[in-house]
N, C-alpha and C. Protein backbone atom coordinates (compact mmCIF):
# COMPACT_ATOMS: atom_id res chain seq x y z
N MET A 1 0.85 -1.07 -0.03
CA MET A 1 -0.16 -0.18 0.11
C MET A 1 0.84 1.34 0.09
N SER A 2 0.60 2.12 -0.82
CA SER A 2 1.19 3.53 -0.90
C SER A 2 1.15 4.15 0.26
N SER A 3 1.95 5.48 0.17
CA SER A 3 1.68 6.15 1.82
C SER A 3 0.42 7.06 1.15
N ARG A 4 0.47 7.26 -0.40
CA ARG A 4 -0.55 8.32 -0.54
C ARG A 4 -1.93 7.58 0.03
N THR A 5 -2.24 6.49 0.25
CA THR A 5 -3.61 5.62 0.33
C THR A 5 -3.72 5.09 1.49
N SER A 6 -2.67 4.76 2.04
CA SER A 6 -2.54 4.27 3.53
C SER A 6 -3.50 5.22 4.82
N PRO A 7 -4.01 4.36 5.28
CA PRO A 7 -4.87 5.12 6.48
C PRO A 7 -4.10 5.82 7.20
N ILE A 8 -4.46 6.19 7.95
CA ILE A 8 -3.60 7.27 9.29
C ILE A 8 -2.64 6.45 9.81
N SER A 9 -1.72 6.31 10.60
CA SER A 9 -0.92 5.46 11.00
C SER A 9 -0.48 6.16 12.25
N GLN A 10 -0.47 7.36 12.99
CA GLN A 10 -0.06 8.31 13.38
C GLN A 10 -1.27 8.56 14.51
N PRO A 11 -0.99 8.69 15.76
CA PRO A 11 -2.62 9.85 15.68
C PRO A 11 -2.11 11.13 15.11
N ILE A 12 -3.28 12.12 15.09
CA ILE A 12 -3.70 12.80 15.12
C ILE A 12 -4.51 13.63 15.51
N THR A 13 -4.11 15.11 16.25
CA THR A 13 -4.68 15.61 16.91
C THR A 13 -5.06 17.12 16.52
N ILE A 14 -6.27 17.87 16.50
CA ILE A 14 -6.52 19.39 15.78
C ILE A 14 -6.53 20.10 16.74
N ARG A 15 -6.11 20.83 16.86
CA ARG A 15 -6.11 22.23 17.81
C ARG A 15 -5.82 23.85 17.30
N ARG A 16 -6.37 24.39 17.50
CA ARG A 16 -6.78 25.98 17.34
C ARG A 16 -5.04 26.17 16.63
N ALA A 17 -5.24 26.42 15.61
CA ALA A 17 -3.79 27.73 15.07
C ALA A 17 -3.24 28.63 15.91
N VAL A 18 -2.60 28.91 16.32
CA VAL A 18 -1.51 29.74 16.71
C VAL A 18 -0.47 30.78 15.81
N ALA A 19 -0.25 31.74 16.68
CA ALA A 19 0.37 32.55 15.64
C ALA A 19 2.39 31.81 14.98
N ARG A 20 2.69 30.73 15.74
CA ARG A 20 3.44 30.35 15.69
C ARG A 20 3.90 30.00 14.63
N ASP A 21 2.58 28.93 14.21
CA ASP A 21 1.73 28.01 12.72
C ASP A 21 2.29 28.96 11.50
N ALA A 22 2.00 30.18 11.49
CA ALA A 22 1.73 30.81 10.33
C ALA A 22 2.94 30.55 9.44
N LYS A 23 4.00 30.50 9.88
CA LYS A 23 5.10 30.34 8.68
C LYS A 23 4.88 28.90 8.34
N ARG A 24 4.76 27.88 8.53
CA ARG A 24 4.33 26.67 8.29
C ARG A 24 3.04 26.36 7.99
N LEU A 25 2.22 27.45 7.88
CA LEU A 25 1.21 27.79 7.36
C LEU A 25 1.05 28.05 5.75
N THR A 26 1.92 28.81 5.86
CA THR A 26 2.07 29.43 5.02
C THR A 26 2.95 28.52 3.84
N ARG A 27 3.96 27.64 4.55
CA ARG A 27 4.54 26.82 3.47
C ARG A 27 3.74 25.95 2.77
N LEU A 28 2.96 25.40 3.66
CA LEU A 28 2.15 24.19 3.58
C LEU A 28 1.67 24.64 1.86
N VAL A 29 0.39 25.78 2.26
CA VAL A 29 0.04 26.49 0.98
C VAL A 29 0.75 27.04 -0.52
N ARG A 30 1.76 27.43 0.09
CA ARG A 30 2.51 27.85 -1.67
C ARG A 30 3.37 26.51 -2.21
N GLY A 31 3.53 25.60 -1.61
CA GLY A 31 4.15 24.01 -1.71
C GLY A 31 3.13 23.05 -2.33
N SER A 32 2.18 24.13 -1.77
CA SER A 32 1.09 22.64 -2.62
C SER A 32 1.22 22.01 -3.89
N GLY A 33 1.12 20.72 -4.11
CA GLY A 33 1.32 20.19 -5.52
C GLY A 33 -0.15 20.87 -6.29
N ALA A 34 -1.08 20.98 -5.65
CA ALA A 34 -2.40 21.43 -6.53
C ALA A 34 -2.42 22.95 -7.00
N TYR A 35 -1.63 23.33 -6.78
CA TYR A 35 -1.72 24.72 -7.02
C TYR A 35 -0.27 24.61 -8.16
N GLU A 36 0.46 24.05 -8.94
CA GLU A 36 1.51 23.88 -9.93
C GLU A 36 0.86 24.21 -10.86
N GLY A 37 2.11 24.68 -11.71
CA GLY A 37 1.81 24.83 -13.48
C GLY A 37 0.93 26.17 -13.36
N LYS A 38 -1.03 25.93 -14.16
CA LYS A 38 -0.99 27.19 -14.68
C LYS A 38 -2.11 27.85 -13.08
N TYR A 39 -1.84 26.80 -12.24
CA TYR A 39 -2.58 27.36 -11.17
C TYR A 39 -1.59 27.95 -9.59
N ALA A 40 0.01 27.91 -10.44
CA ALA A 40 0.69 28.86 -9.78
C ALA A 40 0.69 30.19 -9.05
N ALA A 41 0.32 30.99 -9.83
CA ALA A 41 -0.12 32.41 -9.74
C ALA A 41 -1.23 32.73 -8.55
N ALA A 42 -2.05 31.88 -8.24
CA ALA A 42 -3.52 31.59 -7.00
C ALA A 42 -2.51 31.93 -6.14
N VAL A 43 -1.36 30.86 -5.62
CA VAL A 43 -0.91 31.16 -4.61
C VAL A 43 0.51 31.72 -3.99
N ALA A 44 1.09 32.21 -5.24
CA ALA A 44 2.49 32.67 -5.11
C ALA A 44 2.52 33.80 -4.40
N GLY A 45 3.10 34.17 -3.48
CA GLY A 45 3.18 35.41 -2.75
C GLY A 45 2.10 35.13 -1.41
N TYR A 46 1.40 34.65 -1.61
CA TYR A 46 0.16 34.26 -0.67
C TYR A 46 0.94 33.69 0.68
N ARG A 47 0.13 34.35 2.01
CA ARG A 47 1.04 34.23 3.52
C ARG A 47 -0.18 34.10 4.26
N VAL A 48 -0.04 33.40 5.02
CA VAL A 48 -1.22 33.19 6.04
C VAL A 48 -0.50 33.95 7.39
N GLY A 49 -0.83 34.88 7.90
CA GLY A 49 0.30 35.39 9.19
C GLY A 49 -0.50 35.63 10.24
N PRO A 50 0.24 35.72 11.42
CA PRO A 50 -0.36 35.76 12.48
C PRO A 50 -1.66 36.54 12.90
N ASP A 51 -1.65 37.57 11.91
CA ASP A 51 -2.95 38.43 11.55
C ASP A 51 -4.28 37.96 11.64
N TYR A 52 -3.91 37.00 10.25
CA TYR A 52 -5.09 36.21 9.85
C TYR A 52 -5.44 34.70 10.52
N ILE A 53 -4.34 34.02 11.78
CA ILE A 53 -4.97 33.11 12.46
C ILE A 53 -5.62 33.73 13.43
N GLU A 54 -5.14 35.15 14.11
CA GLU A 54 -6.00 35.16 14.94
C GLU A 54 -7.30 35.84 14.89
N ALA A 55 -7.07 36.63 13.38
CA ALA A 55 -8.78 36.71 13.11
C ALA A 55 -9.88 35.79 12.49
N HIS A 56 -9.46 34.66 12.17
CA HIS A 56 -10.30 33.44 11.62
C HIS A 56 -10.40 32.35 12.84
N ARG A 57 -11.16 31.43 12.83
CA ARG A 57 -11.40 30.13 13.48
C ARG A 57 -10.31 29.17 12.21
N ALA A 58 -8.81 29.32 13.33
CA ALA A 58 -7.96 28.38 11.74
C ALA A 58 -7.50 27.24 12.96
N PHE A 59 -7.60 25.67 12.52
CA PHE A 59 -7.33 25.00 13.19
C PHE A 59 -6.22 23.76 12.46
N VAL A 60 -5.33 23.14 12.68
CA VAL A 60 -4.30 22.72 12.20
C VAL A 60 -4.44 20.91 12.71
N ALA A 61 -4.20 20.26 11.43
CA ALA A 61 -3.85 18.69 12.14
C ALA A 61 -2.63 18.21 12.07
N VAL A 62 -2.09 18.26 13.37
CA VAL A 62 -0.59 18.09 13.66
C VAL A 62 -0.72 15.93 13.88
N GLY A 63 0.40 15.86 13.33
CA GLY A 63 0.92 14.39 13.77
C GLY A 63 2.25 14.30 14.51
N ALA A 64 2.02 13.18 15.45
CA ALA A 64 2.91 12.93 16.22
C ALA A 64 4.29 12.46 15.74
N ASP A 65 5.15 12.94 15.84
CA ASP A 65 6.61 12.81 15.24
C ASP A 65 7.88 12.74 16.02
N GLU A 66 8.79 13.04 15.79
CA GLU A 66 9.96 12.74 16.63
C GLU A 66 10.07 14.20 17.05
N HIS A 67 9.68 15.10 16.51
CA HIS A 67 9.89 16.74 16.80
C HIS A 67 8.54 17.42 17.70
N GLY A 68 7.72 16.35 17.63
CA GLY A 68 6.48 16.96 18.61
C GLY A 68 5.33 17.26 18.25
N GLY A 69 5.04 16.88 16.62
CA GLY A 69 4.61 17.50 16.35
C GLY A 69 4.51 17.80 14.59
N ARG A 70 4.25 17.66 13.53
CA ARG A 70 3.99 17.68 12.16
C ARG A 70 2.94 18.12 11.86
N VAL A 71 2.45 19.43 11.12
CA VAL A 71 1.41 20.02 10.67
C VAL A 71 1.25 19.15 9.76
N LEU A 72 0.01 18.76 9.51
CA LEU A 72 -0.15 18.00 8.40
C LEU A 72 -1.31 18.26 7.29
N GLY A 73 -1.73 19.41 8.04
CA GLY A 73 -2.99 20.31 7.26
C GLY A 73 -3.47 20.78 8.05
N PHE A 74 -4.63 22.02 7.21
CA PHE A 74 -5.18 22.74 8.34
C PHE A 74 -6.71 23.62 7.86
N TYR A 75 -7.33 24.11 8.19
CA TYR A 75 -8.55 24.83 7.46
C TYR A 75 -8.79 26.18 8.17
N SER A 76 -9.62 26.93 7.93
CA SER A 76 -9.81 28.29 8.43
C SER A 76 -11.44 27.97 8.19
N LEU A 77 -12.06 28.47 9.21
CA LEU A 77 -13.56 28.98 9.02
C LEU A 77 -13.72 30.51 9.46
N VAL A 78 -14.55 30.98 7.88
CA VAL A 78 -14.81 32.71 8.38
C VAL A 78 -16.57 32.25 8.72
N LEU A 79 -16.56 33.01 10.29
CA LEU A 79 -18.40 32.82 10.48
C LEU A 79 -19.14 33.89 9.93
N ALA A 80 -18.56 35.38 9.45
CA ALA A 80 -19.59 35.98 8.30
C ALA A 80 -18.99 36.67 7.51
N PRO A 81 -19.63 36.44 6.74
CA PRO A 81 -20.35 35.20 5.84
C PRO A 81 -19.71 33.85 5.96
N PRO A 82 -20.55 32.75 6.48
CA PRO A 82 -19.49 31.50 6.80
C PRO A 82 -18.99 30.81 5.46
N GLU A 83 -18.25 30.51 5.14
CA GLU A 83 -17.45 30.54 4.26
C GLU A 83 -16.38 29.30 5.11
N LEU A 84 -15.49 28.46 4.58
CA LEU A 84 -14.32 27.60 4.46
C LEU A 84 -13.60 28.24 3.49
N ASP A 85 -12.75 29.00 4.11
CA ASP A 85 -11.79 29.86 3.47
C ASP A 85 -10.92 29.17 3.07
N LEU A 86 -10.04 28.70 3.78
CA LEU A 86 -8.77 27.83 3.54
C LEU A 86 -8.61 26.36 3.77
N LEU A 87 -8.18 25.48 3.20
CA LEU A 87 -8.40 23.90 3.59
C LEU A 87 -7.30 23.50 2.19
N PHE A 88 -6.64 22.89 2.93
CA PHE A 88 -5.05 22.22 2.81
C PHE A 88 -4.61 21.01 3.62
N VAL A 89 -4.11 20.18 2.70
CA VAL A 89 -3.61 18.92 3.36
C VAL A 89 -2.01 18.83 2.37
N ALA A 90 -0.92 18.62 3.53
CA ALA A 90 0.59 18.57 3.18
C ALA A 90 0.37 16.88 1.82
N ASP A 91 1.08 17.24 0.85
CA ASP A 91 1.11 16.73 -0.29
C ASP A 91 1.71 15.38 0.16
N GLU A 92 2.33 14.87 0.98
CA GLU A 92 2.96 14.01 1.76
C GLU A 92 1.41 12.76 2.40
N ALA A 93 0.47 14.02 3.03
CA ALA A 93 -0.03 13.34 3.76
C ALA A 93 -1.52 13.13 3.20
N GLN A 94 -1.82 13.36 1.67
CA GLN A 94 -2.91 13.63 1.22
C GLN A 94 -3.95 11.74 1.14
N GLY A 95 -4.67 11.60 0.75
CA GLY A 95 -5.56 9.83 0.98
C GLY A 95 -4.96 9.51 1.89
N ARG A 96 -5.08 9.96 3.10
CA ARG A 96 -5.01 9.38 4.71
C ARG A 96 -6.07 9.98 5.29
N GLY A 97 -6.82 10.01 5.16
CA GLY A 97 -8.38 10.79 5.57
C GLY A 97 -8.04 12.17 6.24
N ILE A 98 -7.52 12.81 6.62
CA ILE A 98 -7.04 14.26 7.41
C ILE A 98 -7.79 15.38 7.07
N GLY A 99 -7.88 14.96 5.39
CA GLY A 99 -9.11 16.12 4.62
C GLY A 99 -10.45 16.10 5.12
N ARG A 100 -10.89 14.61 5.12
CA ARG A 100 -12.27 14.60 5.91
C ARG A 100 -12.08 14.49 7.28
N LEU A 101 -11.24 14.87 8.11
CA LEU A 101 -11.33 14.87 9.40
C LEU A 101 -11.07 16.32 9.72
N LEU A 102 -10.93 17.35 8.77
CA LEU A 102 -10.49 18.36 9.43
C LEU A 102 -11.74 19.13 8.68
N VAL A 103 -12.38 18.64 7.63
CA VAL A 103 -13.85 18.87 7.39
C VAL A 103 -15.18 18.58 8.52
N ALA A 104 -14.69 17.32 9.14
CA ALA A 104 -15.50 16.98 10.37
C ALA A 104 -15.51 18.11 11.09
N HIS A 105 -14.54 18.18 11.02
CA HIS A 105 -13.84 19.48 12.59
C HIS A 105 -14.91 20.38 12.29
N MET A 106 -14.30 21.09 10.83
CA MET A 106 -14.99 22.33 10.96
C MET A 106 -16.20 22.97 11.21
N GLN A 107 -17.05 20.80 10.44
CA GLN A 107 -18.93 21.10 10.77
C GLN A 107 -18.72 21.41 12.08
N SER A 108 -18.40 20.67 12.69
CA SER A 108 -18.76 20.55 14.08
C SER A 108 -18.67 22.07 14.86
N GLU A 109 -17.21 22.90 14.55
CA GLU A 109 -17.03 24.20 14.68
C GLU A 109 -18.30 25.17 14.41
N ALA A 110 -18.66 24.88 13.22
CA ALA A 110 -19.87 25.39 12.46
C ALA A 110 -21.69 25.44 13.16
N ARG A 111 -21.23 23.89 13.27
CA ARG A 111 -23.12 23.71 14.57
C ARG A 111 -22.49 24.17 15.47
N ALA A 112 -21.34 24.62 16.35
CA ALA A 112 -21.36 25.36 17.62
C ALA A 112 -21.53 26.47 17.57
N ALA A 113 -21.21 27.09 16.73
CA ALA A 113 -21.59 28.49 16.27
C ALA A 113 -22.65 28.75 15.52
N GLY A 114 -23.56 28.22 15.74
CA GLY A 114 -24.77 28.13 15.29
C GLY A 114 -25.30 28.19 13.95
N LEU A 115 -23.98 28.07 12.91
CA LEU A 115 -24.34 27.97 11.28
C LEU A 115 -25.20 27.29 10.20
N ASP A 116 -25.84 27.22 9.62
CA ASP A 116 -26.69 26.12 9.32
C ASP A 116 -26.04 25.30 7.60
N ARG A 117 -25.10 26.64 7.64
CA ARG A 117 -24.40 26.39 5.96
C ARG A 117 -23.02 27.14 6.21
N VAL A 118 -22.44 26.60 4.68
CA VAL A 118 -20.63 27.18 5.07
C VAL A 118 -20.75 27.07 3.55
N LYS A 119 -20.07 27.94 2.81
CA LYS A 119 -19.95 27.99 1.68
C LYS A 119 -18.65 27.75 1.45
N VAL A 120 -18.18 27.24 0.28
CA VAL A 120 -16.43 27.00 -0.07
C VAL A 120 -16.94 27.03 -1.78
N VAL A 121 -15.56 28.06 -1.97
CA VAL A 121 -14.99 28.43 -3.49
C VAL A 121 -14.22 27.70 -3.67
N SER A 122 -14.20 26.53 -3.76
CA SER A 122 -13.09 25.42 -4.67
C SER A 122 -12.03 25.78 -5.62
N HIS A 123 -11.03 24.95 -5.59
CA HIS A 123 -10.04 24.80 -6.24
C HIS A 123 -9.86 23.96 -7.06
N LEU A 124 -10.30 24.30 -8.38
CA LEU A 124 -10.66 23.07 -9.65
C LEU A 124 -10.51 21.87 -9.27
N PRO A 125 -9.13 21.46 -8.88
CA PRO A 125 -8.64 20.12 -8.45
C PRO A 125 -9.59 19.68 -7.47
N ALA A 126 -9.98 20.50 -6.48
CA ALA A 126 -9.95 19.85 -5.60
C ALA A 126 -11.92 19.68 -4.69
N GLU A 127 -12.68 19.94 -6.67
CA GLU A 127 -13.86 19.97 -5.90
C GLU A 127 -14.66 18.48 -5.77
N ASP A 128 -14.05 17.50 -6.44
CA ASP A 128 -14.53 16.20 -6.18
C ASP A 128 -14.02 15.79 -4.82
N PHE A 129 -12.99 16.09 -4.16
CA PHE A 129 -12.54 16.24 -2.77
C PHE A 129 -14.12 16.31 -2.13
N TYR A 130 -14.57 17.43 -2.27
CA TYR A 130 -15.52 18.37 -1.33
C TYR A 130 -16.70 17.73 -1.91
N HIS A 131 -17.07 17.18 -2.79
CA HIS A 131 -18.16 16.03 -3.28
C HIS A 131 -18.08 15.29 -2.32
N ARG A 132 -17.08 14.08 -2.14
CA ARG A 132 -16.78 13.38 -1.49
C ARG A 132 -17.53 13.25 -0.14
N VAL A 133 -16.80 14.37 0.14
CA VAL A 133 -17.44 14.95 1.94
C VAL A 133 -18.28 15.66 2.24
N GLY A 134 -19.44 14.75 1.06
CA GLY A 134 -20.67 16.02 1.01
C GLY A 134 -20.98 17.44 1.18
N ALA A 135 -20.30 17.74 0.18
CA ALA A 135 -20.83 19.34 -0.02
C ALA A 135 -21.29 19.13 -1.25
N VAL A 136 -22.34 20.49 -1.78
CA VAL A 136 -23.18 19.90 -2.91
C VAL A 136 -23.14 21.52 -3.86
N ARG A 137 -22.96 21.36 -4.93
CA ARG A 137 -22.40 22.63 -5.84
C ARG A 137 -23.43 23.67 -5.95
N THR A 138 -23.48 24.87 -5.63
CA THR A 138 -24.26 25.67 -5.73
C THR A 138 -24.21 26.68 -7.12
N GLY A 139 -23.32 26.91 -7.04
CA GLY A 139 -23.16 27.84 -8.71
C GLY A 139 -21.21 27.95 -8.66
N THR A 140 -21.19 28.79 -9.31
CA THR A 140 -19.60 28.97 -9.93
C THR A 140 -19.06 30.70 -9.50
N ALA A 141 -18.51 30.87 -8.96
CA ALA A 141 -16.87 31.73 -8.82
C ALA A 141 -16.87 32.16 -10.22
N LEU A 142 -16.73 33.41 -10.27
CA LEU A 142 -16.36 33.98 -11.75
C LEU A 142 -15.04 34.33 -11.66
N ALA A 143 -14.01 34.31 -12.53
CA ALA A 143 -12.83 34.55 -12.47
C ALA A 143 -12.35 35.89 -11.59
N ASN A 144 -11.19 35.75 -11.15
CA ASN A 144 -11.20 37.64 -10.95
C ASN A 144 -9.27 37.58 -11.36
N PRO A 145 -9.39 38.12 -12.36
CA PRO A 145 -7.94 38.40 -12.55
C PRO A 145 -7.09 39.33 -12.18
N PRO A 146 -5.76 39.44 -12.14
CA PRO A 146 -4.84 38.72 -12.29
C PRO A 146 -4.78 37.76 -11.18
N ALA A 147 -5.13 37.77 -9.90
CA ALA A 147 -5.10 36.13 -9.09
C ALA A 147 -5.58 35.07 -9.67
N VAL A 148 -6.86 35.03 -10.33
CA VAL A 148 -7.81 33.53 -10.35
C VAL A 148 -8.11 33.80 -11.43
N PRO A 149 -7.76 33.71 -12.57
CA PRO A 149 -7.93 33.57 -13.60
C PRO A 149 -8.70 33.08 -14.47
N TRP A 150 -9.51 31.75 -13.22
CA TRP A 150 -10.37 31.02 -14.23
C TRP A 150 -11.48 30.89 -12.79
N ASP A 151 -12.31 30.66 -13.83
CA ASP A 151 -13.62 30.39 -12.85
C ASP A 151 -13.91 29.22 -11.89
N ARG A 152 -14.14 29.21 -10.70
CA ARG A 152 -14.01 28.25 -9.68
C ARG A 152 -15.56 27.56 -9.14
N PRO A 153 -15.90 26.12 -9.30
CA PRO A 153 -17.11 26.01 -8.42
C PRO A 153 -17.19 26.44 -7.32
N GLU A 154 -18.54 26.60 -6.74
CA GLU A 154 -19.03 26.87 -5.48
C GLU A 154 -19.65 25.98 -4.63
N LEU A 155 -19.23 25.50 -3.88
CA LEU A 155 -20.33 24.59 -2.99
C LEU A 155 -20.68 24.90 -1.80
N GLU A 156 -21.25 24.36 -0.98
CA GLU A 156 -21.65 24.37 0.05
C GLU A 156 -21.96 22.92 0.69
N PHE A 157 -21.98 23.40 2.38
CA PHE A 157 -21.80 22.56 3.19
C PHE A 157 -23.29 22.56 3.96
N ARG A 158 -23.75 21.53 3.81
CA ARG A 158 -25.16 21.96 5.15
C ARG A 158 -25.03 21.50 6.51
N ILE A 159 -24.72 21.89 7.32
CA ILE A 159 -25.09 21.43 8.84
C ILE A 159 -25.91 21.49 9.77
N PRO A 160 -26.25 20.29 9.42
CA PRO A 160 -27.71 19.79 10.59
C PRO A 160 -27.37 20.34 11.70
N SER A 161 -28.46 20.37 12.85
CA SER A 161 -28.59 20.56 13.92
C SER A 161 -28.07 19.07 14.31
N GLU A 162 -27.59 19.15 16.08
CA GLU A 162 -27.79 17.78 16.35
C GLU A 162 -28.93 17.82 17.55
């Protein structure tokens, strides 16, 4: 079984992001294989700063390792208007259920905040992932050149109350 499809083999903790995570989260975004080639412009120069982490509900998935914990992925939930602003999983950790864990955590946070839906403007290659974890297509976000010169799928998670 390859590492891309093997289940999570180490304990994963999801915790609130803190200012000292900013550089690691920025590296995760800029280094994402999903943003190579024609998509590179969308993340070139992108920065997840301490101010962003402070202003949003940002959470990281951390795996236990010999260095005391490696960031495997993260997401950011904006409450008003409700939107999943960022969701990234490290390339080498994809296919192991970390994205699914992050989405489930986001839905729990959204429910606790009293939200009944959360919008996602998806990166084109990520649309299938969002469908697999329960999002439904609601429309199209039109291109916004020069940073994003292509249309993107707009999806929504419906958050049932418990």
